[in-house]
N, C-alpha and C. Protein backbone atom coordinates (compact mmCIF):
# COMPACT_ATOMS: atom_id res chain seq x y z
N MET A 1 -89.51 -6.74 50.74
CA MET A 1 -88.94 -5.06 50.12
C MET A 1 -87.26 -5.50 50.21
N HIS A 2 -86.70 -5.86 51.18
CA HIS A 2 -85.24 -6.18 51.02
C HIS A 2 -84.79 -6.90 50.33
N HIS A 3 -85.61 -8.32 49.72
CA HIS A 3 -85.21 -8.85 49.47
C HIS A 3 -85.51 -8.36 47.78
N HIS A 4 -86.29 -7.81 47.58
CA HIS A 4 -86.61 -7.16 46.20
C HIS A 4 -84.93 -6.33 45.85
N ASN A 5 -84.72 -5.38 46.57
CA ASN A 5 -83.58 -4.86 46.63
C ASN A 5 -82.13 -5.55 46.41
N LYS A 6 -82.00 -6.81 46.90
CA LYS A 6 -81.01 -7.40 46.70
C LYS A 6 -80.83 -8.41 45.24
N VAL A 7 -81.92 -8.43 44.94
CA VAL A 7 -81.93 -8.95 43.63
C VAL A 7 -81.55 -8.01 43.02
N HIS A 8 -82.11 -6.96 42.66
CA HIS A 8 -82.09 -5.59 41.66
C HIS A 8 -80.60 -5.35 41.54
N ASP A 9 -79.96 -5.74 42.60
CA ASP A 9 -78.39 -4.96 42.77
C ASP A 9 -77.67 -6.31 42.40
N THR A 10 -77.79 -7.53 42.41
CA THR A 10 -77.40 -8.73 41.82
C THR A 10 -77.32 -8.34 39.93
N TYR A 11 -78.49 -8.09 39.50
CA TYR A 11 -79.11 -8.11 38.12
C TYR A 11 -78.05 -6.79 37.67
N LYS A 12 -77.70 -5.46 38.38
CA LYS A 12 -77.26 -4.12 38.21
C LYS A 12 -75.67 -4.84 38.00
N LYS A 13 -75.14 -5.78 38.87
CA LYS A 13 -73.78 -5.92 38.60
C LYS A 13 -73.39 -7.18 37.66
N ALA A 14 -74.34 -8.03 37.38
CA ALA A 14 -74.10 -9.04 36.11
C ALA A 14 -74.09 -7.85 34.93
N ALA A 15 -75.47 -7.12 34.77
CA ALA A 15 -75.25 -6.01 33.53
C ALA A 15 -73.98 -5.34 33.37
N GLU A 16 -73.19 -4.93 34.55
CA GLU A 16 -71.91 -3.76 34.50
C GLU A 16 -70.64 -4.82 34.12
N ALA A 17 -70.72 -6.25 34.61
CA ALA A 17 -69.75 -7.03 34.07
C ALA A 17 -69.88 -7.25 33.10
N ALA A 18 -71.21 -7.49 32.01
CA ALA A 18 -71.09 -7.83 31.21
C ALA A 18 -70.66 -6.83 30.20
N ASP A 19 -71.07 -5.82 30.15
CA ASP A 19 -70.16 -4.61 29.83
C ASP A 19 -69.50 -4.22 29.45
N MET A 20 -68.41 -4.62 30.76
CA MET A 20 -67.13 -4.51 30.44
C MET A 20 -66.41 -5.50 29.76
N HIS A 21 -66.85 -6.80 29.92
CA HIS A 21 -66.33 -7.68 29.14
C HIS A 21 -66.74 -7.33 27.55
N ALA A 22 -67.86 -6.98 27.11
CA ALA A 22 -67.88 -6.20 25.70
C ALA A 22 -66.77 -5.40 25.04
N ALA A 23 -66.94 -4.48 25.94
CA ALA A 23 -65.82 -3.43 25.53
C ALA A 23 -64.68 -3.68 25.96
N ALA A 24 -63.76 -4.83 26.86
CA ALA A 24 -62.63 -5.52 26.69
C ALA A 24 -62.24 -6.16 25.46
N ALA A 25 -63.23 -6.94 24.85
CA ALA A 25 -63.35 -7.67 23.48
C ALA A 25 -63.67 -6.88 22.33
N THR A 26 -64.24 -5.56 22.27
CA THR A 26 -64.13 -4.70 21.08
C THR A 26 -62.69 -3.98 21.11
N ALA A 27 -62.30 -4.19 22.22
CA ALA A 27 -60.76 -3.52 22.00
C ALA A 27 -59.75 -4.25 21.50
N ALA A 28 -59.94 -5.64 22.12
CA ALA A 28 -58.98 -6.74 21.86
C ALA A 28 -58.95 -6.71 20.25
N ALA A 29 -60.51 -6.77 19.82
CA ALA A 29 -60.74 -6.95 18.11
C ALA A 29 -60.13 -5.54 17.57
N ALA A 30 -60.40 -4.32 17.60
CA ALA A 30 -59.79 -3.22 17.05
C ALA A 30 -58.19 -3.40 17.13
N GLU A 31 -57.76 -3.82 18.42
CA GLU A 31 -55.90 -3.86 18.17
C GLU A 31 -55.41 -4.56 17.25
N ALA A 32 -56.34 -5.83 17.16
CA ALA A 32 -55.84 -7.24 16.34
C ALA A 32 -55.62 -6.39 14.72
N ALA A 33 -56.85 -5.98 14.52
CA ALA A 33 -57.22 -5.15 13.41
C ALA A 33 -55.98 -4.33 12.55
N ALA A 34 -55.41 -3.38 14.10
CA ALA A 34 -54.51 -2.59 13.89
C ALA A 34 -53.47 -3.10 13.20
N ASP A 35 -53.01 -4.11 14.04
CA ASP A 35 -51.54 -5.06 14.09
C ASP A 35 -51.92 -5.82 12.48
N ASN A 36 -52.76 -5.89 12.05
CA ASN A 36 -53.06 -6.70 10.75
C ASN A 36 -52.96 -5.68 9.84
N ALA A 37 -53.46 -4.72 9.84
CA ALA A 37 -53.13 -3.61 8.90
C ALA A 37 -51.52 -3.03 8.91
N GLU A 38 -50.86 -2.89 10.09
CA GLU A 38 -49.54 -2.81 10.11
C GLU A 38 -48.95 -3.72 9.22
N ALA A 39 -49.06 -5.19 9.24
CA ALA A 39 -48.63 -6.11 8.73
C ALA A 39 -48.58 -5.91 7.30
N ASP A 40 -49.81 -5.85 6.96
CA ASP A 40 -50.01 -5.97 5.55
C ASP A 40 -49.34 -4.49 4.98
N ALA A 41 -49.16 -3.27 5.32
CA ALA A 41 -48.67 -1.99 5.10
C ALA A 41 -47.00 -2.39 4.53
N ALA A 42 -46.41 -3.51 6.29
CA ALA A 42 -45.00 -3.92 6.17
C ALA A 42 -44.70 -4.66 4.60
N ALA A 43 -45.76 -5.22 4.70
CA ALA A 43 -45.14 -6.48 3.40
C ALA A 43 -45.82 -5.83 1.86
N ALA A 44 -46.73 -4.89 2.23
CA ALA A 44 -46.77 -3.99 1.25
C ALA A 44 -45.44 -3.46 0.57
N ALA A 45 -44.81 -2.87 1.51
CA ALA A 45 -43.48 -1.87 1.16
C ALA A 45 -42.33 -2.92 1.04
N ALA A 46 -42.26 -4.00 1.66
CA ALA A 46 -41.34 -5.05 1.37
C ALA A 46 -41.32 -5.33 -0.08
N GLY A 47 -42.53 -5.60 -0.74
CA GLY A 47 -42.85 -6.07 -1.78
C GLY A 47 -42.33 -5.12 -2.96
N ASP A 48 -42.61 -3.81 -2.56
CA ASP A 48 -42.49 -2.62 -3.51
C ASP A 48 -41.04 -2.33 -3.55
N GLY A 49 -40.45 -2.90 -2.55
CA GLY A 49 -38.78 -2.33 -2.22
C GLY A 49 -38.37 -3.60 -3.22
N ALA A 50 -38.79 -4.57 -3.25
CA ALA A 50 -37.86 -5.89 -3.71
C ALA A 50 -37.98 -5.27 -4.94
N GLN A 51 -39.30 -5.32 -5.46
CA GLN A 51 -39.25 -5.10 -6.98
C GLN A 51 -38.79 -3.53 -7.57
N ALA A 52 -38.16 -2.84 -6.37
CA ALA A 52 -37.68 -1.35 -7.41
C ALA A 52 -36.37 -2.03 -7.73
N ALA A 53 -36.22 -1.13 -8.83
CA ALA A 53 -34.43 -1.20 -9.55
C ALA A 53 -33.57 -0.68 -8.23
N PRO A 54 -32.30 -1.05 -8.58
CA PRO A 54 -31.15 -0.09 -7.98
C PRO A 54 -31.27 1.18 -8.11
N GLU A 55 -31.07 1.61 -9.74
CA GLU A 55 -31.23 3.02 -10.08
C GLU A 55 -32.32 3.52 -9.67
N ASP A 56 -33.68 2.80 -9.54
CA ASP A 56 -34.49 3.62 -8.85
C ASP A 56 -34.51 4.18 -7.50
N LEU A 57 -33.74 3.26 -6.40
CA LEU A 57 -33.34 3.78 -5.39
C LEU A 57 -32.40 4.88 -5.33
N ALA A 58 -31.74 4.36 -6.05
CA ALA A 58 -30.73 5.76 -6.19
C ALA A 58 -31.41 6.95 -6.15
N ARG A 59 -31.98 7.22 -7.32
CA ARG A 59 -32.50 8.47 -7.64
C ARG A 59 -33.76 8.85 -6.76
N ALA A 60 -34.22 7.89 -5.78
CA ALA A 60 -35.26 8.33 -5.18
C ALA A 60 -34.32 8.75 -3.89
N CYS A 61 -33.31 8.35 -3.35
CA CYS A 61 -32.80 8.85 -2.12
C CYS A 61 -32.01 10.27 -2.38
N ARG A 62 -31.44 10.38 -4.17
CA ARG A 62 -31.10 11.70 -4.42
C ARG A 62 -32.15 13.05 -4.12
N GLU A 63 -33.34 12.47 -4.79
CA GLU A 63 -34.46 13.01 -4.29
C GLU A 63 -35.20 13.65 -3.22
N GLN A 64 -34.60 12.69 -2.15
CA GLN A 64 -35.07 13.04 -1.04
C GLN A 64 -33.75 13.88 -0.15
N VAL A 65 -32.70 13.95 -0.70
CA VAL A 65 -31.71 14.72 -0.50
C VAL A 65 -31.56 16.12 -0.52
N CYS A 66 -31.51 17.00 -0.08
CA CYS A 66 -31.45 18.55 -0.56
C CYS A 66 -29.92 18.50 -0.77
N PRO A 67 -30.01 19.17 -2.31
CA PRO A 67 -28.31 19.27 -2.42
C PRO A 67 -27.81 20.48 -1.96
N LEU A 68 -28.59 21.41 -1.16
CA LEU A 68 -27.87 22.29 -0.80
C LEU A 68 -27.84 22.19 0.50
N CYS A 69 -28.22 21.46 1.22
CA CYS A 69 -27.96 21.34 2.66
C CYS A 69 -26.33 20.67 3.07
N GLU A 70 -26.28 21.24 4.33
CA GLU A 70 -24.67 21.20 5.10
C GLU A 70 -24.44 19.48 4.82
N GLU A 71 -25.36 18.67 5.29
CA GLU A 71 -24.90 17.64 6.04
C GLU A 71 -24.41 16.68 4.15
N LYS A 72 -25.19 17.08 3.18
CA LYS A 72 -24.61 16.24 2.23
C LYS A 72 -23.23 16.73 1.81
N LYS A 73 -22.94 18.07 1.93
CA LYS A 73 -21.47 18.78 1.37
C LYS A 73 -20.75 18.18 2.47
N VAL A 74 -20.78 17.69 3.84
CA VAL A 74 -20.07 17.36 4.40
C VAL A 74 -19.57 16.06 4.08
N ALA A 75 -20.73 15.01 3.66
CA ALA A 75 -20.88 13.70 3.24
C ALA A 75 -19.56 13.45 1.89
N ASP A 76 -20.22 14.51 1.19
CA ASP A 76 -19.25 14.73 -0.27
C ASP A 76 -17.79 14.72 0.20
N ASP A 77 -17.88 15.63 1.04
CA ASP A 77 -16.24 15.94 1.04
C ASP A 77 -15.75 14.89 1.77
N MET A 78 -16.43 14.08 2.58
CA MET A 78 -15.71 13.08 3.35
C MET A 78 -15.52 12.08 2.32
N ARG A 79 -16.47 11.74 1.36
CA ARG A 79 -16.25 11.02 0.47
C ARG A 79 -14.89 10.94 -0.53
N LEU A 80 -15.10 11.84 -1.07
CA LEU A 80 -14.22 12.71 -1.94
C LEU A 80 -12.70 12.25 -1.16
N ARG A 81 -12.36 12.67 0.07
CA ARG A 81 -11.21 12.45 1.08
C ARG A 81 -10.80 11.08 0.88
N MET A 82 -11.76 10.40 1.36
CA MET A 82 -11.52 8.97 1.45
C MET A 82 -11.17 8.50 0.19
N ALA A 83 -11.54 8.85 -1.18
CA ALA A 83 -11.17 8.38 -2.25
C ALA A 83 -9.69 8.46 -2.39
N ALA A 84 -9.75 10.06 -2.53
CA ALA A 84 -8.13 10.80 -2.44
C ALA A 84 -7.33 9.85 -1.77
N GLU A 85 -7.81 9.69 -0.55
CA GLU A 85 -6.62 9.03 0.51
C GLU A 85 -6.10 7.19 -0.03
N MET A 86 -7.64 6.97 -0.41
CA MET A 86 -7.44 5.18 -0.97
C MET A 86 -6.58 5.22 -2.07
N GLU A 87 -6.77 6.33 -2.94
CA GLU A 87 -5.86 6.10 -4.36
C GLU A 87 -4.13 6.06 -3.98
N ASN A 88 -3.87 7.44 -3.06
CA ASN A 88 -2.53 7.78 -2.70
C ASN A 88 -2.12 6.42 -2.04
N PHE A 89 -2.87 5.50 -1.42
CA PHE A 89 -2.27 4.30 -0.69
C PHE A 89 -2.19 3.52 -1.71
N LYS A 90 -2.89 3.30 -2.52
CA LYS A 90 -2.58 2.10 -3.63
C LYS A 90 -1.49 2.77 -4.20
N LYS A 91 -1.18 3.95 -4.61
CA LYS A 91 0.00 4.56 -5.35
C LYS A 91 1.34 4.49 -4.47
N ARG A 92 1.18 4.45 -3.11
CA ARG A 92 2.49 4.15 -2.19
C ARG A 92 2.59 2.64 -2.32
N LEU A 93 1.74 1.61 -1.92
CA LEU A 93 2.12 0.19 -2.27
C LEU A 93 2.35 -0.23 -3.47
N SER A 94 2.35 0.17 -4.36
CA SER A 94 2.44 0.20 -5.81
C SER A 94 4.47 0.52 -5.75
N ARG A 95 4.76 1.86 -5.39
CA ARG A 95 5.99 2.09 -5.59
C ARG A 95 6.80 1.46 -4.72
N GLU A 96 6.14 1.03 -3.04
CA GLU A 96 7.27 0.10 -2.46
C GLU A 96 7.39 -1.25 -2.96
N HIS A 97 6.31 -1.52 -3.50
CA HIS A 97 6.68 -3.17 -4.28
C HIS A 97 7.67 -2.99 -5.47
N GLU A 98 7.64 -1.85 -6.21
CA GLU A 98 8.09 -1.87 -7.12
C GLU A 98 10.03 -1.52 -7.13
N GLU A 99 9.95 -0.71 -5.74
CA GLU A 99 11.42 -0.47 -4.87
C GLU A 99 12.06 -2.05 -4.68
N GLN A 100 10.93 -2.52 -3.48
CA GLN A 100 11.38 -3.65 -3.09
C GLN A 100 11.92 -4.81 -4.13
N MET A 101 11.27 -4.99 -5.65
CA MET A 101 11.72 -5.82 -6.39
C MET A 101 12.38 -5.44 -7.09
N ARG A 102 13.09 -4.09 -7.52
CA ARG A 102 14.19 -3.43 -7.75
C ARG A 102 15.64 -3.73 -7.31
N TYR A 103 15.27 -3.50 -5.82
CA TYR A 103 16.72 -3.99 -4.79
C TYR A 103 16.48 -5.27 -4.03
N ALA A 104 15.72 -6.06 -4.44
CA ALA A 104 15.62 -7.33 -3.71
C ALA A 104 16.79 -8.16 -3.75
N ALA A 105 17.81 -7.91 -4.85
CA ALA A 105 19.17 -8.56 -4.82
C ALA A 105 19.98 -8.00 -4.30
N GLU A 106 19.75 -6.85 -3.66
CA GLU A 106 20.67 -5.91 -2.67
C GLU A 106 21.84 -6.53 -1.92
N LYS A 107 21.07 -7.23 -1.20
CA LYS A 107 22.11 -8.28 -0.04
C LYS A 107 23.25 -9.19 -0.47
N ILE A 108 22.80 -9.87 -1.73
CA ILE A 108 23.36 -10.88 -2.00
C ILE A 108 24.57 -10.58 -2.93
N LEU A 109 24.33 -9.17 -3.83
CA LEU A 109 25.06 -8.61 -4.59
C LEU A 109 26.29 -7.91 -3.69
N ARG A 110 25.73 -7.50 -2.51
CA ARG A 110 26.64 -6.74 -1.61
C ARG A 110 27.77 -8.01 -1.11
N ASP A 111 26.95 -8.95 -0.75
CA ASP A 111 28.01 -9.89 -0.45
C ASP A 111 28.80 -10.66 -1.37
N MET A 112 28.71 -10.32 -2.77
CA MET A 112 29.40 -10.84 -3.73
C MET A 112 30.59 -9.92 -4.11
N LEU A 113 30.49 -8.64 -3.52
CA LEU A 113 31.71 -7.30 -4.00
C LEU A 113 32.95 -8.14 -3.52
N PRO A 114 33.10 -8.67 -2.67
CA PRO A 114 34.66 -9.13 -1.99
C PRO A 114 35.31 -10.31 -2.77
N GLY A 115 34.40 -11.14 -3.43
CA GLY A 115 34.80 -11.85 -4.52
C GLY A 115 35.38 -11.37 -5.59
N LEU A 116 34.64 -10.39 -6.14
CA LEU A 116 34.96 -9.22 -7.35
C LEU A 116 36.23 -8.80 -7.49
N ASP A 117 36.43 -8.27 -5.98
CA ASP A 117 37.75 -7.61 -5.74
C ASP A 117 38.61 -8.41 -5.57
N ASN A 118 38.50 -9.86 -5.48
CA ASN A 118 39.60 -10.47 -5.40
C ASN A 118 39.97 -11.11 -7.06
N LEU A 119 39.30 -11.11 -7.36
CA LEU A 119 39.19 -11.84 -9.06
C LEU A 119 40.29 -10.52 -9.55
N GLU A 120 39.53 -9.26 -8.99
CA GLU A 120 40.40 -8.19 -9.78
C GLU A 120 41.88 -7.97 -9.33
N LEU A 121 41.93 -8.27 -8.00
CA LEU A 121 43.51 -8.19 -7.70
C LEU A 121 44.24 -9.39 -7.76
N ALA A 122 43.58 -10.38 -8.38
CA ALA A 122 44.90 -11.48 -8.98
C ALA A 122 44.97 -11.19 -10.41
N LEU A 123 44.04 -10.23 -11.21
CA LEU A 123 44.21 -9.96 -12.36
C LEU A 123 45.54 -9.27 -12.44
N GLN A 124 45.39 -8.15 -11.13
CA GLN A 124 46.20 -6.84 -11.34
C GLN A 124 47.36 -7.47 -10.92
N TYR A 125 48.09 -8.04 -9.95
CA TYR A 125 49.05 -8.58 -9.38
C TYR A 125 49.63 -9.72 -10.53
N GLY A 126 48.44 -10.45 -10.93
CA GLY A 126 49.24 -12.11 -11.54
C GLY A 126 49.84 -11.25 -12.90
N SER A 127 49.23 -10.40 -13.55
CA SER A 127 49.22 -9.85 -14.98
C SER A 127 51.04 -9.93 -15.21
N ARG A 128 52.10 -9.59 -13.82
CA ARG A 128 53.22 -9.24 -13.63
C ARG A 128 54.04 -10.17 -13.89
N ASP A 129 53.76 -11.66 -13.71
CA ASP A 129 54.06 -12.57 -14.08
C ASP A 129 54.00 -13.77 -15.21
N ALA A 130 54.74 -13.64 -15.63
CA ALA A 130 54.64 -14.43 -17.01
C ALA A 130 54.27 -15.97 -16.91
N ALA A 131 54.34 -16.37 -15.66
CA ALA A 131 53.88 -17.99 -15.45
C ALA A 131 52.73 -18.03 -15.35
N CYS A 132 52.10 -16.43 -15.11
CA CYS A 132 50.39 -17.00 -14.60
C CYS A 132 49.53 -16.74 -15.75
N GLN A 133 50.30 -16.57 -16.67
CA GLN A 133 49.58 -16.22 -17.91
C GLN A 133 48.05 -16.90 -18.30
N ASP A 134 48.53 -18.34 -18.27
CA ASP A 134 46.94 -19.21 -18.40
C ASP A 134 46.43 -19.00 -17.24
N MET A 135 46.61 -19.11 -15.98
CA MET A 135 45.81 -19.23 -15.23
C MET A 135 45.14 -18.09 -15.32
N LEU A 136 45.27 -16.53 -15.46
CA LEU A 136 44.98 -15.57 -15.38
C LEU A 136 43.79 -15.36 -16.39
N THR A 137 43.79 -16.54 -17.68
CA THR A 137 42.66 -16.38 -18.60
C THR A 137 41.75 -16.92 -18.06
N GLY A 138 41.09 -17.98 -16.96
CA GLY A 138 40.28 -18.40 -16.84
C GLY A 138 39.88 -17.36 -15.78
N VAL A 139 40.72 -16.81 -14.96
CA VAL A 139 40.31 -15.72 -13.95
C VAL A 139 39.63 -14.51 -14.77
N ALA A 140 40.08 -14.13 -16.20
CA ALA A 140 39.24 -13.11 -16.43
C ALA A 140 38.08 -13.58 -16.83
N MET A 141 38.02 -14.69 -17.85
CA MET A 141 36.76 -15.34 -18.11
C MET A 141 35.45 -15.42 -16.68
N THR A 142 36.16 -15.95 -15.86
CA THR A 142 35.36 -15.82 -14.91
C THR A 142 34.80 -14.55 -14.29
N HIS A 143 35.70 -13.36 -13.89
CA HIS A 143 35.38 -11.99 -13.61
C HIS A 143 34.58 -11.60 -14.81
N LYS A 144 34.66 -11.76 -15.81
CA LYS A 144 33.51 -11.07 -16.82
C LYS A 144 32.47 -11.91 -16.77
N LEU A 145 32.26 -13.20 -16.47
CA LEU A 145 30.58 -14.23 -16.42
C LEU A 145 30.32 -13.72 -15.11
N MET A 146 31.18 -13.30 -14.14
CA MET A 146 30.43 -12.31 -12.65
C MET A 146 29.67 -11.28 -13.30
N LEU A 147 30.69 -10.04 -13.82
CA LEU A 147 30.12 -8.79 -13.77
C LEU A 147 28.98 -8.87 -14.82
N GLU A 148 28.99 -9.98 -15.96
CA GLU A 148 27.81 -9.90 -16.64
C GLU A 148 26.41 -10.46 -15.74
N ALA A 149 26.56 -11.44 -15.18
CA ALA A 149 25.45 -11.87 -14.08
C ALA A 149 24.84 -10.87 -13.44
N MET A 150 25.95 -10.54 -12.99
CA MET A 150 25.66 -9.31 -11.99
C MET A 150 24.84 -8.08 -12.34
N ALA A 151 25.46 -7.47 -13.90
CA ALA A 151 25.11 -6.45 -14.37
C ALA A 151 23.38 -6.64 -14.75
N ARG A 152 23.62 -8.21 -15.01
CA ARG A 152 21.28 -8.39 -15.43
C ARG A 152 20.81 -8.42 -14.00
N HIS A 153 21.38 -8.21 -13.12
CA HIS A 153 20.03 -7.77 -12.00
C HIS A 153 20.39 -6.01 -11.54
N GLY A 154 21.14 -5.30 -12.06
CA GLY A 154 21.25 -4.02 -12.31
C GLY A 154 22.44 -3.50 -11.19
N LEU A 155 23.49 -4.36 -11.18
CA LEU A 155 24.63 -3.91 -10.59
C LEU A 155 25.58 -3.14 -11.82
N VAL A 156 26.56 -1.96 -11.40
CA VAL A 156 26.95 -1.24 -11.90
C VAL A 156 28.50 -0.70 -11.83
N PRO A 157 29.54 -1.02 -12.28
CA PRO A 157 30.78 -0.41 -11.78
C PRO A 157 30.87 0.76 -11.16
N VAL A 158 31.56 1.27 -10.29
CA VAL A 158 31.68 2.73 -10.39
C VAL A 158 33.16 3.37 -9.90
N GLY A 159 33.54 3.94 -10.81
CA GLY A 159 35.12 4.36 -10.69
C GLY A 159 36.02 3.90 -11.40
N GLU A 160 36.54 5.27 -12.49
CA GLU A 160 37.07 5.10 -13.62
C GLU A 160 38.08 6.19 -13.34
N GLU A 161 39.41 5.89 -13.79
CA GLU A 161 40.65 6.90 -13.83
C GLU A 161 40.51 8.21 -15.38
N GLY A 162 40.64 9.20 -14.84
CA GLY A 162 40.23 10.29 -15.23
C GLY A 162 39.26 10.74 -15.08
N GLU A 163 38.16 10.44 -14.42
CA GLU A 163 36.70 11.15 -14.63
C GLU A 163 36.88 11.93 -12.95
N ASP A 164 35.78 13.02 -13.26
CA ASP A 164 35.74 13.95 -12.09
C ASP A 164 35.49 13.17 -10.79
N PHE A 165 36.43 13.90 -9.51
CA PHE A 165 36.03 13.23 -8.53
C PHE A 165 34.57 13.80 -7.71
N THR A 166 33.79 13.05 -7.43
CA THR A 166 32.64 13.20 -6.78
C THR A 166 32.45 12.71 -5.45
N PRO A 167 32.24 13.24 -4.37
CA PRO A 167 31.89 12.23 -2.95
C PRO A 167 30.89 11.59 -3.02
N GLU A 168 30.16 11.94 -3.84
CA GLU A 168 28.94 11.22 -3.79
C GLU A 168 28.99 9.56 -4.56
N ARG A 169 30.26 9.23 -5.32
CA ARG A 169 30.56 7.97 -5.86
C ARG A 169 31.99 7.51 -5.49
N HIS A 170 32.78 8.83 -4.76
CA HIS A 170 34.33 8.24 -4.50
C HIS A 170 34.51 8.28 -3.04
N GLU A 171 35.43 7.60 -2.52
CA GLU A 171 36.09 7.93 -1.69
C GLU A 171 37.41 8.24 -1.63
N ALA A 172 38.03 9.25 -1.34
CA ALA A 172 39.41 9.74 -1.31
C ALA A 172 40.28 9.16 -0.61
N VAL A 173 41.29 8.60 -1.03
CA VAL A 173 42.22 7.67 -0.02
C VAL A 173 43.97 8.66 0.10
N GLY A 174 43.86 9.29 -0.80
CA GLY A 174 45.42 10.24 -1.04
C GLY A 174 45.30 11.10 -2.11
N PHE A 175 46.23 11.51 -2.52
CA PHE A 175 46.63 12.51 -3.55
C PHE A 175 47.47 12.23 -4.28
N ASP A 176 47.47 12.41 -5.75
CA ASP A 176 48.64 12.01 -6.76
C ASP A 176 49.04 13.02 -7.51
N ASP A 177 50.28 12.75 -8.18
CA ASP A 177 50.49 13.44 -9.28
C ASP A 177 50.78 12.85 -10.36
N CYS A 178 50.08 13.09 -11.50
CA CYS A 178 49.52 12.40 -12.87
C CYS A 178 49.12 13.29 -13.77
N PRO A 179 50.39 13.59 -14.45
CA PRO A 179 50.30 14.15 -15.77
C PRO A 179 49.04 13.67 -16.89
N THR A 180 48.74 12.86 -16.97
CA THR A 180 47.88 12.51 -17.58
C THR A 180 46.15 12.67 -17.49
N VAL A 181 45.96 13.01 -16.54
CA VAL A 181 44.78 13.58 -16.09
C VAL A 181 44.68 14.93 -15.59
N GLY A 182 43.48 15.62 -15.37
CA GLY A 182 42.98 17.15 -15.10
C GLY A 182 43.27 17.11 -13.17
N PRO A 183 43.63 18.19 -13.17
CA PRO A 183 43.30 18.52 -11.15
C PRO A 183 42.13 18.21 -11.31
N GLY A 184 42.00 17.44 -9.75
CA GLY A 184 40.66 17.17 -8.91
C GLY A 184 40.29 15.75 -9.59
N CYS A 185 41.06 15.32 -10.75
CA CYS A 185 40.26 14.24 -11.37
C CYS A 185 40.44 12.79 -10.47
N VAL A 186 40.33 11.94 -10.84
CA VAL A 186 40.70 10.44 -10.36
C VAL A 186 42.17 9.69 -11.15
N SER A 187 43.00 9.90 -10.48
CA SER A 187 44.24 9.53 -11.10
C SER A 187 44.21 7.69 -11.06
N ARG A 188 44.05 7.24 -9.62
CA ARG A 188 43.92 5.85 -9.65
C ARG A 188 42.67 5.06 -9.25
N VAL A 189 42.43 4.08 -9.47
CA VAL A 189 40.99 3.69 -8.61
C VAL A 189 41.80 2.08 -8.14
N LEU A 190 41.90 2.36 -6.55
CA LEU A 190 42.08 1.34 -5.51
C LEU A 190 41.52 0.16 -5.45
N GLN A 191 40.06 0.56 -5.42
CA GLN A 191 39.04 -0.52 -4.98
C GLN A 191 37.62 0.28 -5.91
N ARG A 192 37.03 -0.54 -6.88
CA ARG A 192 36.20 -0.13 -7.50
C ARG A 192 34.80 -0.33 -6.75
N GLY A 193 33.96 0.77 -7.18
CA GLY A 193 32.64 0.78 -6.31
C GLY A 193 31.59 0.39 -7.31
N TYR A 194 30.45 0.06 -6.63
CA TYR A 194 29.45 -0.65 -7.31
C TYR A 194 28.25 0.28 -6.74
N LYS A 195 27.28 0.33 -7.72
CA LYS A 195 25.96 0.91 -7.24
C LYS A 195 24.52 0.00 -7.95
N LEU A 196 23.77 0.21 -7.47
CA LEU A 196 22.58 -1.25 -7.57
C LEU A 196 21.57 -0.07 -8.64
N GLY A 197 21.26 0.02 -9.57
CA GLY A 197 20.35 0.94 -9.63
C GLY A 197 20.93 2.24 -9.72
N ASP A 198 19.94 3.33 -8.84
CA ASP A 198 20.45 4.60 -8.67
C ASP A 198 20.60 4.57 -7.19
N ARG A 199 21.19 3.27 -6.58
CA ARG A 199 21.66 3.05 -4.87
C ARG A 199 22.82 2.87 -4.90
N LEU A 200 23.78 3.53 -4.40
CA LEU A 200 24.96 3.29 -4.47
C LEU A 200 25.51 2.11 -3.07
N LEU A 201 26.09 1.19 -3.66
CA LEU A 201 26.30 0.04 -2.57
C LEU A 201 27.66 0.19 -1.68
N ARG A 202 28.71 0.74 -2.85
CA ARG A 202 29.94 1.03 -2.04
C ARG A 202 30.75 2.18 -2.79
N PRO A 203 31.21 2.91 -2.48
CA PRO A 203 31.88 4.16 -3.13
C PRO A 203 33.04 3.56 -3.98
N ALA A 204 34.02 4.04 -4.58
CA ALA A 204 35.20 3.83 -5.43
C ALA A 204 36.22 4.55 -4.34
N LYS A 205 37.36 3.39 -4.05
CA LYS A 205 38.33 4.43 -3.28
C LYS A 205 39.70 4.62 -4.24
N VAL A 206 39.54 6.09 -4.19
CA VAL A 206 40.36 6.55 -5.80
C VAL A 206 41.70 7.19 -4.78
N MET A 207 42.65 7.64 -5.49
CA MET A 207 43.83 8.57 -5.36
C MET A 207 43.07 9.70 -6.29
N ILE A 208 43.38 11.07 -5.90
CA ILE A 208 43.17 12.12 -6.79
C ILE A 208 44.23 12.81 -7.33
N ASN A 209 44.08 13.69 -8.36
CA ASN A 209 45.10 14.00 -8.92
C ASN A 209 45.45 15.88 -8.64
N GLN A 210 46.67 15.76 -7.59
CA GLN A 210 46.08 17.47 -7.51
C GLN A 210 47.09 18.35 -7.81
N GLY A 211 47.30 18.22 -9.15
CA GLY A 211 47.86 18.89 -10.13
C GLY A 211 48.96 19.81 -9.94
């Protein structure tokens, strides 16, 4: 009897083990099928996305976004603000580039001003000596050619006798009594000034008629 019960228990355990193995196999098969279904769905979605035109994607995105939602308003405001900032940045770079090109010759022109001063002094004082007239012809031509060459780069002389005194363009050295010009006007130019475009390189040193 005892032997019969032992055999019965052995069969029962074997049946339970077989059932557990079958259940595990069924679960594994179901999981594999689910994975295959997800892979097929992902491949189909990727294929649909690859075939969709850019305008279709853009339209789909617009349809999914509510035009009245706060997030869209914030995103639109940020996009417009960034576009405006980029446009201002481009304009600022363009202005800086133009200004740099316009005043690129400032340093060399400023360094050449003493040479022009010496030529003008030679013309001024050499004209009093008749023996210097032949030499002064060459000096005058050199002075003229230098002014023309520097003018092509934007250099403009500042300071003429008879013009109104302006502290932005003139540096007053003293006062004069000159009947040929009005009161407060420039009576003599001691050293010519120069400007490059709208930028003053050096004011003219002048005497002012005190009338």
